């Protein structure tokens, strides 16, 4: 039973390590491209647009009544 709990405690560490690895591989190229001001504005616009879209989709999923 001790081995079972030891194995279960490894999953959160794996999840954190995996998440940090994905974030690093995504944000590293973006930071290199953000040095150009035009590209930086486009990246900021894409990020804001993505967050607004995510918020609207989640709002529609949680509250299925129309916004009227």
PDB file of N, CA and C in Angstrom:
ATOM      1  N   UNK A   1       0.816  -1.188   0.000  1.00  0.00           N
ATOM      2  CA  UNK A   1       0.000   0.000   0.000  1.00  0.00           C
ATOM      3  C   UNK A   1       0.861   1.255   0.000  1.00  0.00           C
ATOM      4  N   UNK A   2       2.037   1.161   0.622  1.00  0.00           N
ATOM      5  CA  UNK A   2       2.959   2.298   0.649  1.00  0.00           C
ATOM      6  C   UNK A   2       3.403   2.664  -0.765  1.00  0.00           C
ATOM      7  N   UNK A   3       3.656   1.655  -1.587  1.00  0.00           N
ATOM      8  CA  UNK A   3       4.069   1.911  -2.967  1.00  0.00           C
ATOM      9  C   UNK A   3       2.961   2.594  -3.764  1.00  0.00           C
ATOM     10  N   UNK A   4       1.723   2.243  -3.460  1.00  0.00           N
ATOM     11  CA  UNK A   4       0.600   2.875  -4.150  1.00  0.00           C
ATOM     12  C   UNK A   4       0.571   4.378  -3.876  1.00  0.00           C
ATOM     13  N   UNK A   5       0.665   4.757  -2.611  1.00  0.00           N
ATOM     14  CA  UNK A   5       0.617   6.177  -2.267  1.00  0.00           C
ATOM     15  C   UNK A   5       1.854   6.922  -2.765  1.00  0.00           C
ATOM     16  N   UNK A   6       2.980   6.255  -2.786  1.00  0.00           N
ATOM     17  CA  UNK A   6       4.184   6.869  -3.347  1.00  0.00           C
ATOM     18  C   UNK A   6       3.995   7.134  -4.833  1.00  0.00           C
ATOM     19  N   UNK A   7       3.361   6.214  -5.536  1.00  0.00           N
ATOM     20  CA  UNK A   7       3.094   6.383  -6.954  1.00  0.00           C
ATOM     21  C   UNK A   7       2.079   7.504  -7.189  1.00  0.00           C
ATOM     22  N   UNK A   8       1.061   7.606  -6.341  1.00  0.00           N
ATOM     23  CA  UNK A   8       0.045   8.651  -6.487  1.00  0.00           C
ATOM     24  C   UNK A   8       0.657  10.033  -6.254  1.00  0.00           C
ATOM     25  N   UNK A   9       1.612  10.146  -5.351  1.00  0.00           N
ATOM     26  CA  UNK A   9       2.219  11.450  -5.088  1.00  0.00           C
ATOM     27  C   UNK A   9       3.103  11.919  -6.242  1.00  0.00           C
ATOM     28  N   UNK A  10       3.459  11.040  -7.132  1.00  0.00           N
ATOM     29  CA  UNK A  10       4.289  11.443  -8.274  1.00  0.00           C
ATOM     30  C   UNK A  10       3.483  12.153  -9.356  1.00  0.00           C
ATOM     31  N   UNK A  11       2.200  11.911  -9.441  1.00  0.00           N
ATOM     32  CA  UNK A  11       1.384  12.503 -10.500  1.00  0.00           C
ATOM     33  C   UNK A  11       1.322  14.026 -10.448  1.00  0.00           C
ATOM     34  N   UNK A  12       1.113  14.667  -9.297  1.00  0.00           N
ATOM     35  CA  UNK A  12       1.122  16.141  -9.303  1.00  0.00           C
ATOM     36  C   UNK A  12       2.468  16.726  -9.745  1.00  0.00           C
ATOM     37  N   UNK A  13       3.548  16.093  -9.333  1.00  0.00           N
ATOM     38  CA  UNK A  13       4.863  16.579  -9.771  1.00  0.00           C
ATOM     39  C   UNK A  13       5.030  16.429 -11.278  1.00  0.00           C
ATOM     40  N   UNK A  14       4.542  15.331 -11.818  1.00  0.00           N
ATOM     41  CA  UNK A  14       4.608  15.127 -13.267  1.00  0.00           C
ATOM     42  C   UNK A  14       3.763  16.166 -13.988  1.00  0.00           C
ATOM     43  N   UNK A  15       2.574  16.442 -13.476  1.00  0.00           N
ATOM     44  CA  UNK A  15       1.695  17.435 -14.087  1.00  0.00           C
ATOM     45  C   UNK A  15       2.333  18.818 -14.087  1.00  0.00           C
ATOM     46  N   UNK A  16       2.949  19.207 -12.987  1.00  0.00           N
ATOM     47  CA  UNK A  16       3.621  20.513 -12.916  1.00  0.00           C
ATOM     48  C   UNK A  16       4.796  20.558 -13.888  1.00  0.00           C
ATOM     49  N   UNK A  17       5.599  19.516 -13.915  1.00  0.00           N
ATOM     50  CA  UNK A  17       6.752  19.484 -14.817  1.00  0.00           C
ATOM     51  C   UNK A  17       6.311  19.519 -16.276  1.00  0.00           C
ATOM     52  N   UNK A  18       5.266  18.773 -16.603  1.00  0.00           N
ATOM     53  CA  UNK A  18       4.757  18.755 -17.972  1.00  0.00           C
ATOM     54  C   UNK A  18       4.208  20.127 -18.355  1.00  0.00           C
ATOM     55  N   UNK A  19       3.444  20.752 -17.465  1.00  0.00           N
ATOM     56  CA  UNK A  19       2.888  22.080 -17.734  1.00  0.00           C
ATOM     57  C   UNK A  19       3.965  23.127 -17.931  1.00  0.00           C
ATOM     58  N   UNK A  20       4.992  23.102 -17.106  1.00  0.00           N
ATOM     59  CA  UNK A  20       6.088  24.053 -17.261  1.00  0.00           C
ATOM     60  C   UNK A  20       6.858  23.819 -18.560  1.00  0.00           C
ATOM     61  N   UNK A  21       7.024  22.572 -18.938  1.00  0.00           N
ATOM     62  CA  UNK A  21       7.709  22.276 -20.195  1.00  0.00           C
ATOM     63  C   UNK A  21       6.927  22.776 -21.395  1.00  0.00           C
ATOM     64  N   UNK A  22       5.617  22.576 -21.385  1.00  0.00           N
ATOM     65  CA  UNK A  22       4.783  23.068 -22.478  1.00  0.00           C
ATOM     66  C   UNK A  22       4.798  24.593 -22.519  1.00  0.00           C
ATOM     67  N   UNK A  23       4.667  25.233 -21.355  1.00  0.00           N
ATOM     68  CA  UNK A  23       4.686  26.697 -21.309  1.00  0.00           C
ATOM     69  C   UNK A  23       6.013  27.249 -21.813  1.00  0.00           C
ATOM     70  N   UNK A  24       7.102  26.616 -21.442  1.00  0.00           N
ATOM     71  CA  UNK A  24       8.410  27.069 -21.907  1.00  0.00           C
ATOM     72  C   UNK A  24       8.539  26.935 -23.419  1.00  0.00           C
ATOM     73  N   UNK A  25       8.094  25.816 -23.953  1.00  0.00           N
ATOM     74  CA  UNK A  25       8.228  25.610 -25.391  1.00  0.00           C
ATOM     75  C   UNK A  25       7.288  26.508 -26.191  1.00  0.00           C
ATOM     76  N   UNK A  26       6.214  26.989 -25.584  1.00  0.00           N
ATOM     77  CA  UNK A  26       5.294  27.886 -26.287  1.00  0.00           C
ATOM     78  C   UNK A  26       5.763  29.334 -26.179  1.00  0.00           C
ATOM     79  N   UNK A  27       6.138  29.755 -24.978  1.00  0.00           N
ATOM     80  CA  UNK A  27       6.436  31.169 -24.761  1.00  0.00           C
ATOM     81  C   UNK A  27       7.841  31.583 -25.179  1.00  0.00           C
ATOM     82  N   UNK A  28       8.763  30.660 -25.273  1.00  0.00           N
ATOM     83  CA  UNK A  28      10.130  31.017 -25.683  1.00  0.00           C
ATOM     84  C   UNK A  28      10.183  31.581 -27.103  1.00  0.00           C
ATOM     85  N   UNK A  29       9.555  30.947 -28.098  1.00  0.00           N
ATOM     86  CA  UNK A  29       9.576  31.547 -29.441  1.00  0.00           C
ATOM     87  C   UNK A  29       8.787  32.863 -29.500  1.00  0.00           C
ATOM     88  N   UNK A  30       7.735  32.969 -28.705  1.00  0.00           N
ATOM     89  CA  UNK A  30       6.943  34.201 -28.725  1.00  0.00           C
ATOM     90  C   UNK A  30       7.725  35.381 -28.163  1.00  0.00           C
ATOM     91  N   UNK A  31       8.514  35.148 -27.130  1.00  0.00           N
ATOM     92  CA  UNK A  31       9.308  36.243 -26.574  1.00  0.00           C
ATOM     93  C   UNK A  31      10.396  36.676 -27.556  1.00  0.00           C
ATOM     94  N   UNK A  32      10.914  35.737 -28.334  1.00  0.00           N
ATOM     95  CA  UNK A  32      11.925  36.103 -29.330  1.00  0.00           C
ATOM     96  C   UNK A  32      11.310  36.960 -30.437  1.00  0.00           C
ATOM     97  N   UNK A  33      10.058  36.693 -30.794  1.00  0.00           N
ATOM     98  CA  UNK A  33       9.396  37.459 -31.850  1.00  0.00           C
ATOM     99  C   UNK A  33       8.812  38.766 -31.348  1.00  0.00           C
ATOM    100  N   UNK A  34       8.648  38.903 -30.054  1.00  0.00           N
ATOM    101  CA  UNK A  34       8.034  40.101 -29.496  1.00  0.00           C
ATOM    102  C   UNK A  34       8.979  41.299 -29.502  1.00  0.00           C
ATOM    103  N   UNK A  35      10.190  41.126 -29.933  1.00  0.00           N
ATOM    104  CA  UNK A  35      11.134  42.257 -29.978  1.00  0.00           C
ATOM    105  C   UNK A  35      10.773  43.247 -31.084  1.00  0.00           C
ATOM    106  N   UNK A  36      10.116  42.767 -32.110  1.00  0.00           N
ATOM    107  CA  UNK A  36       9.633  43.642 -33.168  1.00  0.00           C
ATOM    108  C   UNK A  36       8.326  44.273 -32.693  1.00  0.00           C
ATOM    109  N   UNK A  37       8.210  45.615 -32.697  1.00  0.00           N
ATOM    110  CA  UNK A  37       7.006  46.250 -32.150  1.00  0.00           C
ATOM    111  C   UNK A  37       5.706  45.845 -32.857  1.00  0.00           C
ATOM    112  N   UNK A  38       5.746  45.674 -34.169  1.00  0.00           N
ATOM    113  CA  UNK A  38       4.533  45.297 -34.896  1.00  0.00           C
ATOM    114  C   UNK A  38       4.094  43.890 -34.488  1.00  0.00           C
ATOM    115  N   UNK A  39       5.034  42.996 -34.384  1.00  0.00           N
ATOM    116  CA  UNK A  39       4.719  41.632 -33.970  1.00  0.00           C
ATOM    117  C   UNK A  39       4.246  41.606 -32.526  1.00  0.00           C
ATOM    118  N   UNK A  40       4.829  42.432 -31.669  1.00  0.00           N
ATOM    119  CA  UNK A  40       4.403  42.479 -30.270  1.00  0.00           C
ATOM    120  C   UNK A  40       2.955  42.929 -30.155  1.00  0.00           C
ATOM    121  N   UNK A  41       2.569  43.931 -30.943  1.00  0.00           N
ATOM    122  CA  UNK A  41       1.176  44.395 -30.922  1.00  0.00           C
ATOM    123  C   UNK A  41       0.252  43.293 -31.425  1.00  0.00           C
ATOM    124  N   UNK A  42       0.662  42.590 -32.451  1.00  0.00           N
ATOM    125  CA  UNK A  42      -0.155  41.490 -32.978  1.00  0.00           C
ATOM    126  C   UNK A  42      -0.288  40.365 -31.955  1.00  0.00           C
ATOM    127  N   UNK A  43       0.785  40.040 -31.245  1.00  0.00           N
ATOM    128  CA  UNK A  43       0.717  38.995 -30.224  1.00  0.00           C
ATOM    129  C   UNK A  43      -0.185  39.402 -29.067  1.00  0.00           C
ATOM    130  N   UNK A  44      -0.102  40.657 -28.655  1.00  0.00           N
ATOM    131  CA  UNK A  44      -0.972  41.144 -27.582  1.00  0.00           C
ATOM    132  C   UNK A  44      -2.428  41.103 -28.031  1.00  0.00           C
ATOM    133  N   UNK A  45      -2.690  41.528 -29.259  1.00  0.00           N
ATOM    134  CA  UNK A  45      -4.053  41.475 -29.789  1.00  0.00           C
ATOM    135  C   UNK A  45      -4.584  40.057 -29.865  1.00  0.00           C
ATOM    136  N   UNK A  46      -3.744  39.121 -30.273  1.00  0.00           N
ATOM    137  CA  UNK A  46      -4.163  37.722 -30.346  1.00  0.00           C
ATOM    138  C   UNK A  46      -4.443  37.162 -28.952  1.00  0.00           C
ATOM    139  N   UNK A  47      -3.626  37.537 -27.977  1.00  0.00           N
ATOM    140  CA  UNK A  47      -3.834  37.059 -26.611  1.00  0.00           C
ATOM    141  C   UNK A  47      -5.133  37.612 -26.029  1.00  0.00           C
ATOM    142  N   UNK A  48      -5.379  38.901 -26.235  1.00  0.00           N
ATOM    143  CA  UNK A  48      -6.607  39.511 -25.731  1.00  0.00           C
ATOM    144  C   UNK A  48      -7.820  38.903 -26.422  1.00  0.00           C
ATOM    145  N   UNK A  49      -7.732  38.717 -27.724  1.00  0.00           N
ATOM    146  CA  UNK A  49      -8.833  38.106 -28.470  1.00  0.00           C
ATOM    147  C   UNK A  49      -9.102  36.684 -27.991  1.00  0.00           C
ATOM    148  N   UNK A  50      -8.070  35.932 -27.736  1.00  0.00           N
ATOM    149  CA  UNK A  50      -8.237  34.575 -27.233  1.00  0.00           C
ATOM    150  C   UNK A  50      -8.877  34.540 -25.859  1.00  0.00           C
ATOM    151  N   UNK A  51      -8.474  35.454 -24.981  1.00  0.00           N
ATOM    152  CA  UNK A  51      -9.067  35.494 -23.638  1.00  0.00           C
ATOM    153  C   UNK A  51     -10.532  35.902 -23.684  1.00  0.00           C
ATOM    154  N   UNK A  52     -10.860  36.858 -24.539  1.00  0.00           N
ATOM    155  CA  UNK A  52     -12.263  37.265 -24.678  1.00  0.00           C
ATOM    156  C   UNK A  52     -13.094  36.110 -25.226  1.00  0.00           C
ATOM    157  N   UNK A  53     -12.573  35.417 -26.226  1.00  0.00           N
ATOM    158  CA  UNK A  53     -13.295  34.268 -26.785  1.00  0.00           C
ATOM    159  C   UNK A  53     -13.495  33.176 -25.740  1.00  0.00           C
ATOM    160  N   UNK A  54     -12.464  32.903 -24.971  1.00  0.00           N
ATOM    161  CA  UNK A  54     -12.569  31.894 -23.919  1.00  0.00           C
ATOM    162  C   UNK A  54     -13.603  32.297 -22.878  1.00  0.00           C
ATOM    163  N   UNK A  55     -13.607  33.566 -22.495  1.00  0.00           N
ATOM    164  CA  UNK A  55     -14.576  34.041 -21.509  1.00  0.00           C
ATOM    165  C   UNK A  55     -16.004  33.926 -22.042  1.00  0.00           C
ATOM    166  N   UNK A  56     -16.213  34.281 -23.305  1.00  0.00           N
ATOM    167  CA  UNK A  56     -17.548  34.192 -23.871  1.00  0.00           C
ATOM    168  C   UNK A  56     -18.029  32.749 -23.998  1.00  0.00           C
ATOM    169  N   UNK A  57     -17.147  31.853 -24.386  1.00  0.00           N
ATOM    170  CA  UNK A  57     -17.512  30.440 -24.505  1.00  0.00           C
ATOM    171  C   UNK A  57     -17.838  29.864 -23.128  1.00  0.00           C
ATOM    172  N   UNK A  58     -17.016  30.167 -22.128  1.00  0.00           N
ATOM    173  CA  UNK A  58     -17.287  29.666 -20.786  1.00  0.00           C
ATOM    174  C   UNK A  58     -18.572  30.247 -20.224  1.00  0.00           C
ATOM    175  N   UNK A  59     -18.845  31.515 -20.504  1.00  0.00           N
ATOM    176  CA  UNK A  59     -20.086  32.133 -20.042  1.00  0.00           C
ATOM    177  C   UNK A  59     -21.289  31.458 -20.690  1.00  0.00           C
ATOM    178  N   UNK A  60     -21.188  31.149 -21.962  1.00  0.00           N
ATOM    179  CA  UNK A  60     -22.283  30.469 -22.657  1.00  0.00           C
ATOM    180  C   UNK A  60     -22.467  29.045 -22.143  1.00  0.00           C
ATOM    181  N   UNK A  61     -21.397  28.402 -21.732  1.00  0.00           N
ATOM    182  CA  UNK A  61     -21.500  27.042 -21.218  1.00  0.00           C
ATOM    183  C   UNK A  61     -22.124  27.020 -19.823  1.00  0.00           C
ATOM    184  N   UNK A  62     -21.804  28.011 -19.013  1.00  0.00           N
ATOM    185  CA  UNK A  62     -22.287  28.030 -17.636  1.00  0.00           C
ATOM    186  C   UNK A  62     -23.697  28.570 -17.555  1.00  0.00           C
ATOM    187  N   UNK A  63     -23.971  29.622 -18.333  1.00  0.00           N
ATOM    188  CA  UNK A  63     -25.275  30.280 -18.303  1.00  0.00           C
ATOM    189  C   UNK A  63     -25.920  30.148 -19.680  1.00  0.00           C
ATOM    190  N   UNK A  64     -26.708  29.100 -19.913  1.00  0.00           N
ATOM    191  CA  UNK A  64     -27.231  28.875 -21.257  1.00  0.00           C
ATOM    192  C   UNK A  64     -28.341  29.853 -21.670  1.00  0.00           C
ATOM    193  N   UNK A  65     -28.812  30.706 -20.762  1.00  0.00           N
ATOM    194  CA  UNK A  65     -29.847  31.673 -21.128  1.00  0.00           C
ATOM    195  C   UNK A  65     -29.238  32.737 -22.032  1.00  0.00           C
ATOM    196  N   UNK A  66     -29.981  33.259 -22.997  1.00  0.00           N
ATOM    197  CA  UNK A  66     -29.435  34.293 -23.873  1.00  0.00           C
ATOM    198  C   UNK A  66     -29.128  35.578 -23.110  1.00  0.00           C
ATOM    199  N   UNK A  67     -28.216  36.364 -23.674  1.00  0.00           N
ATOM    200  CA  UNK A  67     -27.784  37.592 -23.016  1.00  0.00           C
ATOM    201  C   UNK A  67     -28.757  38.755 -23.221  1.00  0.00           C
ATOM    202  N   UNK A  68     -29.887  38.540 -23.830  1.00  0.00           N
ATOM    203  CA  UNK A  68     -30.844  39.612 -24.122  1.00  0.00           C
ATOM    204  C   UNK A  68     -31.472  40.172 -22.908  1.00  0.00           C
TER     205      UNK A  68
END
